[in-house]
N, C-alpha and C. Protein backbone atom coordinates (compact mmCIF):
# COMPACT_ATOMS: atom_id res chain seq x y z
N MET A 1 5.44 -129.41 69.93
CA MET A 1 4.55 -130.50 69.91
C MET A 1 3.17 -130.08 69.36
N LYS A 2 2.65 -128.89 69.86
CA LYS A 2 1.40 -128.43 69.36
C LYS A 2 1.41 -128.13 67.89
N GLN A 3 2.50 -127.56 67.49
CA GLN A 3 2.64 -127.22 66.07
C GLN A 3 2.67 -128.50 65.14
N GLU A 4 3.22 -129.52 65.62
CA GLU A 4 3.27 -130.77 64.94
C GLU A 4 1.86 -131.35 64.82
N ILE A 5 1.10 -131.25 65.89
CA ILE A 5 -0.27 -131.74 65.83
C ILE A 5 -1.15 -130.92 64.86
N ASP A 6 -0.99 -129.62 64.95
CA ASP A 6 -1.75 -128.71 64.04
C ASP A 6 -1.34 -129.03 62.55
N GLU A 7 -0.07 -129.27 62.28
CA GLU A 7 0.36 -129.54 60.90
C GLU A 7 -0.20 -130.91 60.47
N LYS A 8 -0.26 -131.89 61.38
CA LYS A 8 -0.82 -133.17 61.07
C LYS A 8 -2.34 -133.04 60.76
N ASN A 9 -3.05 -132.23 61.48
CA ASN A 9 -4.46 -131.98 61.29
C ASN A 9 -4.66 -131.25 59.90
N ARG A 10 -3.73 -130.34 59.59
CA ARG A 10 -3.90 -129.67 58.30
C ARG A 10 -3.63 -130.61 57.13
N GLN A 11 -2.65 -131.52 57.31
CA GLN A 11 -2.42 -132.52 56.27
C GLN A 11 -3.58 -133.49 56.16
N LEU A 12 -4.23 -133.89 57.18
CA LEU A 12 -5.38 -134.74 57.12
C LEU A 12 -6.53 -134.00 56.41
N LEU A 13 -6.79 -132.77 56.65
CA LEU A 13 -7.86 -132.07 55.96
C LEU A 13 -7.53 -131.93 54.46
N ASN A 14 -6.27 -131.73 54.10
CA ASN A 14 -5.91 -131.70 52.79
C ASN A 14 -6.08 -133.09 52.11
N LEU A 15 -5.79 -134.12 52.82
CA LEU A 15 -6.01 -135.46 52.30
C LEU A 15 -7.51 -135.74 52.02
N GLU A 16 -8.32 -135.16 52.89
CA GLU A 16 -9.75 -135.31 52.72
C GLU A 16 -10.16 -134.73 51.33
N ILE A 17 -9.65 -133.64 51.04
CA ILE A 17 -9.98 -133.02 49.74
C ILE A 17 -9.40 -133.76 48.53
N TRP A 18 -8.18 -134.26 48.71
CA TRP A 18 -7.53 -135.04 47.68
C TRP A 18 -8.21 -136.43 47.42
N ILE A 19 -8.86 -136.94 48.41
CA ILE A 19 -9.59 -138.16 48.28
C ILE A 19 -10.99 -137.98 47.73
N SER A 20 -11.72 -136.99 48.28
CA SER A 20 -13.15 -136.84 47.96
C SER A 20 -13.34 -136.17 46.59
N ALA A 21 -12.56 -135.25 46.24
CA ALA A 21 -12.85 -134.48 44.93
C ALA A 21 -12.73 -135.46 43.76
N PRO A 22 -11.63 -136.17 43.57
CA PRO A 22 -11.53 -137.06 42.37
C PRO A 22 -12.54 -138.14 42.32
N ALA A 23 -12.89 -138.70 43.58
CA ALA A 23 -13.87 -139.81 43.65
C ALA A 23 -15.25 -139.24 43.29
N THR A 24 -15.66 -138.13 43.76
CA THR A 24 -16.87 -137.54 43.44
C THR A 24 -16.96 -137.25 41.96
N LEU A 25 -15.96 -136.65 41.38
CA LEU A 25 -15.83 -136.41 39.92
C LEU A 25 -16.03 -137.72 39.16
N ALA A 26 -15.26 -138.76 39.59
CA ALA A 26 -15.37 -140.05 38.91
C ALA A 26 -16.82 -140.59 38.95
N GLY A 27 -17.48 -140.42 40.08
CA GLY A 27 -18.85 -140.91 40.26
C GLY A 27 -19.79 -140.16 39.31
N ILE A 28 -19.61 -138.84 39.21
CA ILE A 28 -20.47 -138.05 38.35
C ILE A 28 -20.19 -138.41 36.87
N VAL A 29 -18.91 -138.62 36.50
CA VAL A 29 -18.59 -138.99 35.03
C VAL A 29 -19.22 -140.36 34.79
N LEU A 30 -19.14 -141.33 35.73
CA LEU A 30 -19.73 -142.63 35.51
C LEU A 30 -21.22 -142.53 35.28
N CYS A 31 -21.96 -141.77 36.14
CA CYS A 31 -23.31 -141.50 35.96
C CYS A 31 -23.68 -140.91 34.62
N GLY A 32 -22.90 -139.94 34.21
CA GLY A 32 -23.10 -139.31 32.93
C GLY A 32 -22.88 -140.33 31.81
N ILE A 33 -21.83 -141.19 31.88
CA ILE A 33 -21.66 -142.19 30.85
C ILE A 33 -22.90 -143.13 30.80
N ALA A 34 -23.31 -143.53 31.95
CA ALA A 34 -24.46 -144.45 32.00
C ALA A 34 -25.70 -143.92 31.46
N VAL A 35 -25.96 -142.64 31.67
CA VAL A 35 -27.20 -141.98 31.30
C VAL A 35 -27.19 -141.70 29.75
N PHE A 36 -26.06 -141.22 29.25
CA PHE A 36 -26.07 -140.67 27.89
C PHE A 36 -25.53 -141.68 26.81
N TRP A 37 -24.89 -142.78 27.13
CA TRP A 37 -24.47 -143.72 26.20
C TRP A 37 -25.63 -144.73 26.01
N ASP A 38 -25.66 -145.36 24.80
CA ASP A 38 -26.71 -146.30 24.46
C ASP A 38 -26.13 -147.68 24.87
N ILE A 39 -26.40 -148.09 26.10
CA ILE A 39 -25.93 -149.36 26.59
C ILE A 39 -27.07 -150.14 27.15
N LEU A 40 -26.90 -151.41 27.44
CA LEU A 40 -27.92 -152.30 28.01
C LEU A 40 -28.41 -151.74 29.33
N THR A 41 -29.62 -151.97 29.64
CA THR A 41 -30.22 -151.43 30.87
C THR A 41 -29.58 -152.04 32.08
N GLY A 42 -29.27 -153.32 32.11
CA GLY A 42 -28.57 -153.89 33.29
C GLY A 42 -27.23 -153.28 33.45
N LEU A 43 -26.46 -153.05 32.41
CA LEU A 43 -25.17 -152.46 32.59
C LEU A 43 -25.31 -150.99 33.07
N ARG A 44 -26.24 -150.28 32.51
CA ARG A 44 -26.47 -148.92 32.91
C ARG A 44 -26.82 -148.83 34.38
N THR A 45 -27.69 -149.74 34.83
CA THR A 45 -28.01 -149.77 36.29
C THR A 45 -26.83 -150.10 37.16
N GLY A 46 -26.06 -151.06 36.69
CA GLY A 46 -24.85 -151.39 37.42
C GLY A 46 -23.87 -150.32 37.60
N ILE A 47 -23.66 -149.57 36.49
CA ILE A 47 -22.69 -148.41 36.55
C ILE A 47 -23.24 -147.37 37.45
N ILE A 48 -24.53 -147.02 37.38
CA ILE A 48 -25.07 -145.98 38.28
C ILE A 48 -24.95 -146.45 39.68
N MET A 49 -25.26 -147.71 40.03
CA MET A 49 -25.20 -148.15 41.44
C MET A 49 -23.72 -148.09 41.91
N PHE A 50 -22.82 -148.52 40.99
CA PHE A 50 -21.37 -148.45 41.40
C PHE A 50 -20.99 -147.00 41.74
N ALA A 51 -21.41 -146.10 40.87
CA ALA A 51 -21.07 -144.62 41.09
C ALA A 51 -21.66 -144.08 42.37
N ILE A 52 -22.87 -144.52 42.72
CA ILE A 52 -23.47 -144.03 43.95
C ILE A 52 -22.72 -144.67 45.14
N VAL A 53 -22.44 -145.96 45.08
CA VAL A 53 -21.70 -146.57 46.21
C VAL A 53 -20.35 -145.92 46.34
N LEU A 54 -19.66 -145.62 45.28
CA LEU A 54 -18.36 -144.98 45.29
C LEU A 54 -18.43 -143.65 46.02
N ILE A 55 -19.35 -142.79 45.62
CA ILE A 55 -19.56 -141.44 46.17
C ILE A 55 -19.89 -141.60 47.68
N LEU A 56 -20.79 -142.46 47.98
CA LEU A 56 -21.20 -142.59 49.50
C LEU A 56 -20.05 -143.13 50.29
N ALA A 57 -19.28 -144.12 49.77
CA ALA A 57 -18.22 -144.69 50.56
C ALA A 57 -17.13 -143.63 50.81
N VAL A 58 -16.80 -142.88 49.79
CA VAL A 58 -15.75 -141.84 49.93
C VAL A 58 -16.24 -140.74 50.81
N ALA A 59 -17.53 -140.39 50.79
CA ALA A 59 -18.11 -139.42 51.66
C ALA A 59 -18.00 -139.79 53.20
N PHE A 60 -18.35 -141.06 53.46
CA PHE A 60 -18.22 -141.54 54.80
C PHE A 60 -16.73 -141.49 55.31
N VAL A 61 -15.86 -141.84 54.44
CA VAL A 61 -14.36 -141.81 54.80
C VAL A 61 -13.95 -140.34 55.01
N ALA A 62 -14.37 -139.44 54.13
CA ALA A 62 -14.06 -138.01 54.23
C ALA A 62 -14.62 -137.42 55.51
N VAL A 63 -15.78 -137.77 55.92
CA VAL A 63 -16.37 -137.22 57.14
C VAL A 63 -15.57 -137.74 58.36
N GLY A 64 -15.12 -139.01 58.31
CA GLY A 64 -14.32 -139.57 59.33
C GLY A 64 -12.93 -138.82 59.47
N ILE A 65 -12.39 -138.50 58.36
CA ILE A 65 -11.13 -137.76 58.37
C ILE A 65 -11.41 -136.38 58.99
N GLU A 66 -12.39 -135.71 58.52
CA GLU A 66 -12.73 -134.36 59.02
C GLU A 66 -13.04 -134.35 60.54
N GLN A 67 -13.75 -135.36 60.99
CA GLN A 67 -14.09 -135.57 62.41
C GLN A 67 -12.84 -135.64 63.25
N LYS A 68 -11.83 -136.36 62.84
CA LYS A 68 -10.67 -136.63 63.64
C LYS A 68 -9.62 -135.56 63.60
N ALA A 69 -9.63 -134.71 62.56
CA ALA A 69 -8.61 -133.70 62.41
C ALA A 69 -9.15 -132.39 63.03
N GLY A 70 -8.56 -131.91 64.09
CA GLY A 70 -8.93 -130.67 64.67
C GLY A 70 -10.13 -130.74 65.61
N TYR A 71 -10.75 -129.58 65.72
CA TYR A 71 -11.78 -129.41 66.74
C TYR A 71 -12.95 -128.58 66.08
N TYR A 72 -14.09 -128.62 66.70
CA TYR A 72 -15.20 -127.72 66.34
C TYR A 72 -15.40 -126.75 67.50
N GLU A 73 -15.52 -125.46 67.08
CA GLU A 73 -15.65 -124.41 68.09
C GLU A 73 -17.14 -123.91 68.12
N CYS A 74 -17.70 -123.99 69.29
CA CYS A 74 -19.09 -123.53 69.60
C CYS A 74 -19.10 -122.05 69.44
N GLN A 75 -20.07 -121.47 68.72
CA GLN A 75 -20.13 -120.02 68.50
C GLN A 75 -20.85 -119.34 69.73
N LYS A 76 -21.34 -120.11 70.71
CA LYS A 76 -21.99 -119.53 71.87
C LYS A 76 -21.09 -119.36 73.01
N CYS A 77 -20.30 -120.49 73.39
CA CYS A 77 -19.47 -120.45 74.54
C CYS A 77 -17.99 -120.55 74.19
N PHE A 78 -17.69 -120.76 72.84
CA PHE A 78 -16.34 -120.85 72.34
C PHE A 78 -15.56 -122.05 72.81
N ASP A 79 -16.27 -123.02 73.31
CA ASP A 79 -15.60 -124.30 73.71
C ASP A 79 -15.22 -125.08 72.42
N ARG A 80 -14.01 -125.72 72.42
CA ARG A 80 -13.59 -126.46 71.31
C ARG A 80 -13.63 -127.99 71.68
N ASN A 81 -14.33 -128.70 70.86
CA ASN A 81 -14.58 -130.10 71.18
C ASN A 81 -14.50 -130.94 69.91
N ILE A 82 -14.42 -132.28 70.18
CA ILE A 82 -14.46 -133.26 69.05
C ILE A 82 -15.75 -134.07 69.14
N PRO A 83 -16.70 -133.82 68.26
CA PRO A 83 -17.89 -134.59 68.30
C PRO A 83 -17.71 -136.06 67.89
N THR A 84 -18.70 -136.89 68.10
CA THR A 84 -18.63 -138.31 67.62
C THR A 84 -18.73 -138.31 66.10
N TYR A 85 -18.38 -139.41 65.51
CA TYR A 85 -18.45 -139.57 64.09
C TYR A 85 -19.89 -139.31 63.63
N TRP A 86 -20.90 -139.96 64.29
CA TRP A 86 -22.26 -139.83 63.82
C TRP A 86 -22.84 -138.44 64.05
N GLN A 87 -22.39 -137.73 65.03
CA GLN A 87 -22.77 -136.34 65.24
C GLN A 87 -22.28 -135.56 64.10
N THR A 88 -21.10 -135.77 63.69
CA THR A 88 -20.48 -135.03 62.57
C THR A 88 -21.13 -135.44 61.30
N ASN A 89 -21.41 -136.69 61.13
CA ASN A 89 -21.92 -137.16 59.82
C ASN A 89 -23.37 -136.74 59.64
N LEU A 90 -24.18 -136.66 60.66
CA LEU A 90 -25.56 -136.36 60.49
C LEU A 90 -25.89 -134.83 60.61
N ALA A 91 -24.97 -134.10 61.02
CA ALA A 91 -25.15 -132.64 61.22
C ALA A 91 -25.28 -131.91 59.87
N MET A 92 -26.21 -130.95 59.84
CA MET A 92 -26.34 -130.07 58.66
C MET A 92 -25.02 -129.31 58.59
N HIS A 93 -24.57 -129.09 57.35
CA HIS A 93 -23.25 -128.45 57.21
C HIS A 93 -23.15 -127.62 55.95
N PHE A 94 -22.24 -126.72 56.00
CA PHE A 94 -21.80 -125.97 54.83
C PHE A 94 -20.35 -125.97 54.86
N GLY A 95 -19.68 -126.63 54.01
CA GLY A 95 -18.27 -126.78 54.00
C GLY A 95 -17.81 -127.58 55.28
N ARG A 96 -16.97 -126.94 56.11
CA ARG A 96 -16.60 -127.56 57.30
C ARG A 96 -17.22 -126.91 58.60
N THR A 97 -18.31 -126.21 58.33
CA THR A 97 -19.03 -125.68 59.42
C THR A 97 -20.37 -126.47 59.66
N ARG A 98 -20.59 -126.97 60.89
CA ARG A 98 -21.72 -127.86 61.06
C ARG A 98 -22.54 -127.37 62.21
N TYR A 99 -23.88 -127.61 62.04
CA TYR A 99 -24.80 -127.17 62.96
C TYR A 99 -24.98 -128.28 63.99
N MET A 100 -24.45 -128.15 65.24
CA MET A 100 -24.44 -129.17 66.22
C MET A 100 -24.72 -128.59 67.61
N LYS A 101 -24.97 -129.48 68.50
CA LYS A 101 -25.25 -129.10 69.90
C LYS A 101 -23.92 -129.14 70.66
N CYS A 102 -23.57 -128.14 71.38
CA CYS A 102 -22.29 -128.06 72.09
C CYS A 102 -22.45 -128.93 73.39
N PRO A 103 -21.43 -129.77 73.61
CA PRO A 103 -21.45 -130.62 74.86
C PRO A 103 -21.25 -129.81 76.13
N GLU A 104 -20.64 -128.63 76.02
CA GLU A 104 -20.33 -127.80 77.16
C GLU A 104 -21.56 -126.98 77.58
N CYS A 105 -22.09 -126.18 76.72
CA CYS A 105 -23.20 -125.21 77.08
C CYS A 105 -24.57 -125.84 76.71
N GLY A 106 -24.63 -126.90 75.85
CA GLY A 106 -25.89 -127.48 75.50
C GLY A 106 -26.71 -126.70 74.50
N LYS A 107 -26.12 -125.74 73.91
CA LYS A 107 -26.87 -124.90 72.90
C LYS A 107 -26.48 -125.31 71.47
N TRP A 108 -27.43 -125.11 70.58
CA TRP A 108 -27.20 -125.42 69.18
C TRP A 108 -26.60 -124.19 68.44
N SER A 109 -25.55 -124.40 67.61
CA SER A 109 -24.94 -123.33 66.86
C SER A 109 -24.14 -123.98 65.74
N TYR A 110 -23.81 -123.11 64.80
CA TYR A 110 -22.95 -123.53 63.67
C TYR A 110 -21.56 -123.56 64.25
N GLN A 111 -21.01 -124.74 64.31
CA GLN A 111 -19.64 -124.90 64.89
C GLN A 111 -18.66 -124.95 63.73
N LYS A 112 -17.64 -124.06 63.84
CA LYS A 112 -16.61 -124.02 62.77
C LYS A 112 -15.41 -124.93 63.09
N LYS A 113 -14.85 -125.48 62.09
CA LYS A 113 -13.66 -126.33 62.24
C LYS A 113 -12.45 -125.47 62.54
N VAL A 114 -11.71 -125.79 63.53
CA VAL A 114 -10.45 -125.16 63.91
C VAL A 114 -9.40 -126.27 64.09
N LEU A 115 -8.14 -125.94 63.94
CA LEU A 115 -7.11 -126.91 64.05
C LEU A 115 -6.55 -127.08 65.44
N ALA A 116 -6.49 -125.95 66.21
CA ALA A 116 -5.81 -126.02 67.54
C ALA A 116 -6.88 -126.10 68.68
N LYS A 117 -6.51 -126.68 69.74
CA LYS A 117 -7.36 -126.81 70.92
C LYS A 117 -7.53 -125.42 71.65
N GLU A 118 -6.47 -124.75 71.74
CA GLU A 118 -6.51 -123.39 72.39
C GLU A 118 -6.43 -122.33 71.29
N LYS A 119 -6.95 -121.09 71.55
CA LYS A 119 -6.86 -119.99 70.68
C LYS A 119 -5.43 -119.50 70.72
N GLN A 120 -4.94 -119.02 69.57
CA GLN A 120 -3.56 -118.59 69.52
C GLN A 120 -3.50 -117.07 69.43
């Protein structure tokens, strides 16, 4: 049962990459097209706004997937927890490591993403 949950979490994190990478690339390409092609100002503005909305929408979905898949491990007390969506979304991060306050010990640390609740 635990292996199935870990595998499902791994699949969700892979899905996050497969959703966010192409959408971000498409948004960047659209911005590039709007900036470098000689088109009407209104159309240029519309394309740039669409690209920004696309990137932001996919980013919010990707953070939601990351928040639900697996746990974050506190580097101070090694408690593994699932933060709220907004805690995950607003936390400073580098990759899947986020600077958050641990609900167990109350200390701030860079919490790393782990798949299993217990250490193996």
